[in-house]
Amino acid sequence: MEETIQISGLSKSYDGRKVIENLSFSVTAGEVFGLLGANGAGKSTTIECVLGTRTADSGSARILGLDPWKDRKRLFEQVGVQFQEANYPDKIKVKELCEETTCLYKHPVAYEKLLQKFGLTDKMDALVSELSGGQKQKLFIVLALIPNPRVVFLDELTTGLDTKARRSVWKSLQELKEQGLTIFLSSHFMDEVEILCDRIGILKDGGFVFEGTVQEAVDLSPYEKLEDAYLWFTGEEETDNE
């Protein structure tokens, strides 16, 4: 199976504090890989170092066999990214932002189809600043998919979405996965992880305390549910009887 993402010995510190240390893993083509961990565990730093938007102290990252620093232009023709926080001009319309993004790529997907898929067609002429938090989140996913990527990175995918919208997004991503898209996902929602992810990695203190399938995580823990198993791996489980 072709490895789409290859990470070896990745480390990053801020002001002498190690955020990730000697992290190594790989993601195969067409796989959904979930990166889990508490706030501050290093999820966003890992994604930024893998993408080359932040410089790692040591280690290497390859996406589609390309170096995120040296092959930046070639790589980002084939990679979509939805960051947890994104800032756009207040007075730009949804349609204008999609058109600007489309212009950056050689073989983009028609953004009108993506807006329709994610229920945003009626917001095409709205200002981005006027969208609700959930609508903005869906728009950021649309922008990540406009390049027609082979790999997409989604950081806290469905934060701010209601239950119906979350399920709609999951369905769309499952369809894209079936078409061969590789998805790298960070999430706090265990139901989302269970539905979407083929494999997961749980970060704690800058390294993996678990890497494997959801079922393997449950089987290795004393519990029967992923949420309980996750809290057990990260040491966040309740220890009192309250």
Protein backbone atom coordinates (compact mmCIF):
# COMPACT_ATOMS: atom_id res chain seq x y z
CA MET A 1 0.00 0.00 0.00
CA GLU A 2 1.41 3.41 -1.01
CA GLU A 3 2.36 5.65 1.92
CA THR A 4 0.91 9.13 1.36
CA ILE A 5 2.35 10.71 4.52
CA GLN A 6 5.68 9.68 6.06
CA ILE A 7 6.86 11.27 9.31
CA SER A 8 10.21 10.39 10.90
CA GLY A 9 11.67 11.69 14.17
CA LEU A 10 9.68 14.93 14.17
CA SER A 11 10.43 17.20 17.16
CA LYS A 12 9.45 20.76 18.06
CA SER A 13 10.06 22.89 21.17
CA TYR A 14 8.86 26.35 22.19
CA ASP A 15 10.99 28.30 24.67
CA GLY A 16 12.71 25.10 25.75
CA ARG A 17 9.42 23.22 26.26
CA LYS A 18 9.10 20.11 24.08
CA VAL A 19 5.73 20.03 22.32
CA ILE A 20 6.37 16.97 20.14
CA GLU A 21 9.38 14.70 20.45
CA ASN A 22 10.73 12.12 18.00
CA LEU A 23 7.32 11.50 16.42
CA SER A 24 7.23 8.88 13.64
CA PHE A 25 4.24 7.48 11.76
CA SER A 26 2.82 6.98 8.28
CA VAL A 27 -0.57 7.23 6.57
CA THR A 28 -1.44 5.13 3.54
CA ALA A 29 -3.29 6.25 0.42
CA GLY A 30 -7.07 6.42 0.84
CA GLU A 31 -6.85 6.15 4.63
CA VAL A 32 -8.48 8.38 7.24
CA PHE A 33 -5.99 8.93 10.07
CA GLY A 34 -7.18 10.59 13.26
CA LEU A 35 -4.81 12.57 15.49
CA LEU A 36 -6.17 12.76 19.04
CA GLY A 37 -4.97 14.39 22.24
CA ALA A 38 -5.90 16.90 24.92
CA ASN A 39 -5.56 20.64 24.34
CA GLY A 40 -1.85 21.42 24.31
CA ALA A 41 -0.87 17.84 23.45
CA GLY A 42 0.71 18.97 20.17
CA LYS A 43 -1.95 18.16 17.56
CA SER A 44 -1.89 21.50 15.73
CA THR A 45 1.91 21.74 16.03
CA THR A 46 2.22 18.28 14.48
CA ILE A 47 0.01 19.23 11.55
CA GLU A 48 1.88 22.52 11.03
CA CYS A 49 5.28 20.76 11.08
CA VAL A 50 4.05 18.06 8.69
CA LEU A 51 2.80 20.73 6.29
CA GLY A 52 5.93 22.85 6.66
CA THR A 53 3.98 25.92 7.81
CA ARG A 54 6.04 25.68 10.99
CA THR A 55 9.70 24.63 11.08
CA ALA A 56 10.42 21.44 13.02
CA ASP A 57 13.56 21.37 15.17
CA SER A 58 14.48 17.96 13.78
CA GLY A 59 13.07 15.05 11.81
CA SER A 60 11.55 14.85 8.37
CA ALA A 61 8.12 14.91 6.73
CA ARG A 62 7.08 13.73 3.30
CA ILE A 63 3.66 14.09 1.70
CA LEU A 64 3.16 12.25 -1.60
CA GLY A 65 6.92 11.75 -1.53
CA LEU A 66 7.54 15.51 -1.55
CA ASP A 67 9.33 17.68 0.99
CA PRO A 68 6.90 20.34 2.35
CA TRP A 69 9.71 22.94 2.33
CA LYS A 70 11.65 22.19 -0.83
CA ASP A 71 8.71 21.10 -3.00
CA ARG A 72 6.15 23.51 -1.60
CA LYS A 73 4.53 24.61 -4.86
CA ARG A 74 4.27 21.11 -6.35
CA LEU A 75 2.97 19.73 -3.08
CA PHE A 76 0.25 22.26 -2.47
CA GLU A 77 -1.21 21.67 -5.91
CA GLN A 78 -2.23 18.28 -4.46
CA VAL A 79 -2.97 19.07 -0.80
CA GLY A 80 -5.97 20.72 0.84
CA VAL A 81 -5.83 22.26 4.32
CA GLN A 82 -8.52 23.40 6.76
CA PHE A 83 -6.91 25.02 9.77
CA GLN A 84 -8.65 25.29 13.13
CA GLU A 85 -8.51 29.08 12.92
CA ALA A 86 -8.59 30.97 9.65
CA ASN A 87 -8.73 34.73 9.11
CA TYR A 88 -10.19 36.36 6.01
CA PRO A 89 -11.06 39.99 5.16
CA ASP A 90 -14.36 41.12 6.73
CA LYS A 91 -15.78 42.48 3.51
CA ILE A 92 -15.16 39.50 1.23
CA LYS A 93 -18.11 37.47 -0.03
CA VAL A 94 -18.27 33.68 0.03
CA LYS A 95 -18.31 33.58 -3.78
CA GLU A 96 -15.31 35.93 -4.03
CA LEU A 97 -13.26 33.89 -1.56
CA CYS A 98 -14.04 30.70 -3.49
CA GLU A 99 -13.10 32.36 -6.79
CA GLU A 100 -9.80 33.63 -5.36
CA THR A 101 -8.97 30.16 -4.05
CA THR A 102 -9.92 28.55 -7.37
CA CYS A 103 -7.46 30.82 -9.22
CA LEU A 104 -4.54 29.35 -7.25
CA TYR A 105 -4.85 25.84 -8.69
CA LYS A 106 -4.47 24.16 -12.08
CA HIS A 107 -7.23 21.57 -11.76
CA PRO A 108 -9.75 22.87 -9.22
CA VAL A 109 -13.16 21.43 -8.44
CA ALA A 110 -16.09 23.71 -9.32
CA TYR A 111 -16.71 25.53 -6.06
CA GLU A 112 -20.44 25.81 -6.85
CA LYS A 113 -20.73 22.00 -6.57
CA LEU A 114 -18.87 21.99 -3.25
CA LEU A 115 -21.04 24.79 -1.84
CA GLN A 116 -24.09 22.78 -2.84
CA LYS A 117 -22.67 19.59 -1.28
CA PHE A 118 -22.11 21.39 2.02
CA GLY A 119 -25.40 23.31 2.03
CA LEU A 120 -23.97 26.77 1.39
CA THR A 121 -25.39 27.66 -2.05
CA ASP A 122 -27.75 30.25 -0.58
CA LYS A 123 -24.79 31.94 1.15
CA MET A 124 -22.80 32.55 -2.04
CA ASP A 125 -23.37 36.32 -1.97
CA ALA A 126 -23.12 36.65 1.82
CA LEU A 127 -20.11 38.21 3.50
CA VAL A 128 -17.88 35.63 5.17
CA SER A 129 -18.08 37.71 8.37
CA GLU A 130 -21.88 37.28 8.41
CA LEU A 131 -21.77 33.48 8.45
CA SER A 132 -22.48 31.54 11.62
CA GLY A 133 -19.63 29.59 13.21
CA GLY A 134 -20.91 26.34 11.71
CA GLN A 135 -21.31 27.87 8.24
CA LYS A 136 -17.76 29.25 8.39
CA GLN A 137 -16.49 25.81 9.34
CA LYS A 138 -18.20 24.24 6.34
CA LEU A 139 -16.84 26.99 4.08
CA PHE A 140 -13.29 26.28 5.29
CA ILE A 141 -13.80 22.62 4.36
CA VAL A 142 -15.01 23.69 0.91
CA LEU A 143 -11.88 25.84 0.46
CA ALA A 144 -9.71 22.85 1.43
CA LEU A 145 -11.40 20.72 -1.24
CA ILE A 146 -11.31 23.25 -4.11
CA PRO A 147 -7.75 22.17 -5.17
CA ASN A 148 -9.15 18.67 -5.93
CA PRO A 149 -6.51 17.35 -3.51
CA ARG A 150 -5.11 13.85 -3.13
CA VAL A 151 -4.58 14.56 0.58
CA VAL A 152 -6.57 16.83 2.88
CA PHE A 153 -5.70 17.99 6.41
CA LEU A 154 -8.67 18.86 8.62
CA ASP A 155 -7.97 20.42 12.03
CA GLU A 156 -10.98 20.17 14.41
CA LEU A 157 -13.28 19.43 11.47
CA THR A 158 -16.79 19.91 12.87
CA THR A 159 -16.32 22.36 15.74
CA GLY A 160 -19.39 24.62 15.83
CA LEU A 161 -21.61 22.37 13.71
CA ASP A 162 -24.93 21.04 14.94
CA THR A 163 -25.68 17.31 14.87
CA LYS A 164 -27.37 17.32 11.45
CA ALA A 165 -24.59 19.38 9.85
CA ARG A 166 -21.88 17.16 11.37
CA ARG A 167 -23.50 14.03 9.97
CA SER A 168 -23.81 15.69 6.57
CA VAL A 169 -20.10 16.55 6.59
CA TRP A 170 -19.20 13.00 7.65
CA LYS A 171 -21.23 11.59 4.74
CA SER A 172 -19.50 13.88 2.25
CA LEU A 173 -16.06 12.90 3.56
CA GLN A 174 -16.88 9.20 3.45
CA GLU A 175 -17.82 9.64 -0.22
CA LEU A 176 -14.51 11.39 -0.88
CA LYS A 177 -12.63 8.64 0.93
CA GLU A 178 -14.31 6.07 -1.30
CA GLN A 179 -12.93 8.02 -4.27
CA GLY A 180 -9.39 7.58 -2.87
CA LEU A 181 -8.84 10.80 -0.90
CA THR A 182 -6.39 10.50 2.01
CA ILE A 183 -7.68 12.39 5.07
CA PHE A 184 -5.59 13.51 8.06
CA LEU A 185 -7.98 14.58 10.79
CA SER A 186 -7.58 16.02 14.27
CA SER A 187 -10.67 15.88 16.47
CA HIS A 188 -12.03 16.02 20.01
CA PHE A 189 -15.23 14.20 19.05
CA MET A 190 -15.02 10.45 19.60
CA ASP A 191 -18.21 9.70 17.65
CA GLU A 192 -16.64 11.45 14.65
CA VAL A 193 -13.43 9.46 15.08
CA GLU A 194 -15.30 6.15 15.34
CA ILE A 195 -17.27 6.84 12.16
CA LEU A 196 -14.51 8.26 9.98
CA CYS A 197 -11.11 6.96 11.08
CA ASP A 198 -9.35 3.80 9.89
CA ARG A 199 -6.50 4.39 12.36
CA ILE A 200 -5.78 6.83 15.16
CA GLY A 201 -2.77 8.15 17.05
CA ILE A 202 -3.23 9.46 20.61
CA LEU A 203 -0.74 12.15 21.64
CA LYS A 204 0.41 12.71 25.20
CA ASP A 205 3.48 14.64 26.37
CA GLY A 206 4.69 15.05 22.79
CA GLY A 207 4.56 11.40 21.71
CA PHE A 208 2.10 8.63 20.85
CA VAL A 209 0.71 6.62 23.76
CA PHE A 210 -1.32 4.64 21.21
CA GLU A 211 -1.36 4.11 17.45
CA GLY A 212 -3.69 1.68 15.69
CA THR A 213 -7.37 1.11 14.96
CA VAL A 214 -10.25 2.31 17.14
CA GLN A 215 -11.06 -1.29 18.07
CA GLU A 216 -7.46 -1.96 19.06
CA ALA A 217 -7.52 1.11 21.33
CA VAL A 218 -10.65 -0.17 23.04
CA ASP A 219 -9.28 -3.71 23.32
CA LEU A 220 -6.06 -2.51 24.96
CA SER A 221 -7.94 -0.47 27.57
CA PRO A 222 -10.11 -1.68 30.46
CA TYR A 223 -13.14 -0.11 28.80
CA GLU A 224 -15.69 -0.84 26.06
CA LYS A 225 -16.10 2.65 24.59
CA LEU A 226 -13.54 4.70 22.67
CA GLU A 227 -14.19 7.82 24.75
CA ASP A 228 -13.36 5.96 27.97
CA ALA A 229 -10.36 4.26 26.34
CA TYR A 230 -9.08 7.62 25.09
CA LEU A 231 -9.31 9.17 28.58
CA TRP A 232 -7.52 6.13 29.99
CA PHE A 233 -4.65 6.44 27.48
CA THR A 234 -4.26 10.17 28.14
CA GLY A 235 -4.61 9.83 31.91
CA GLU A 236 -7.65 12.12 31.97
CA GLU A 237 -10.16 9.56 33.27
CA GLU A 238 -12.11 10.29 36.45
CA THR A 239 -10.46 8.62 39.44
CA ASP A 240 -12.96 9.58 42.14
CA ASN A 241 -16.43 8.23 42.78
CA GLU A 242 -18.30 11.48 42.40
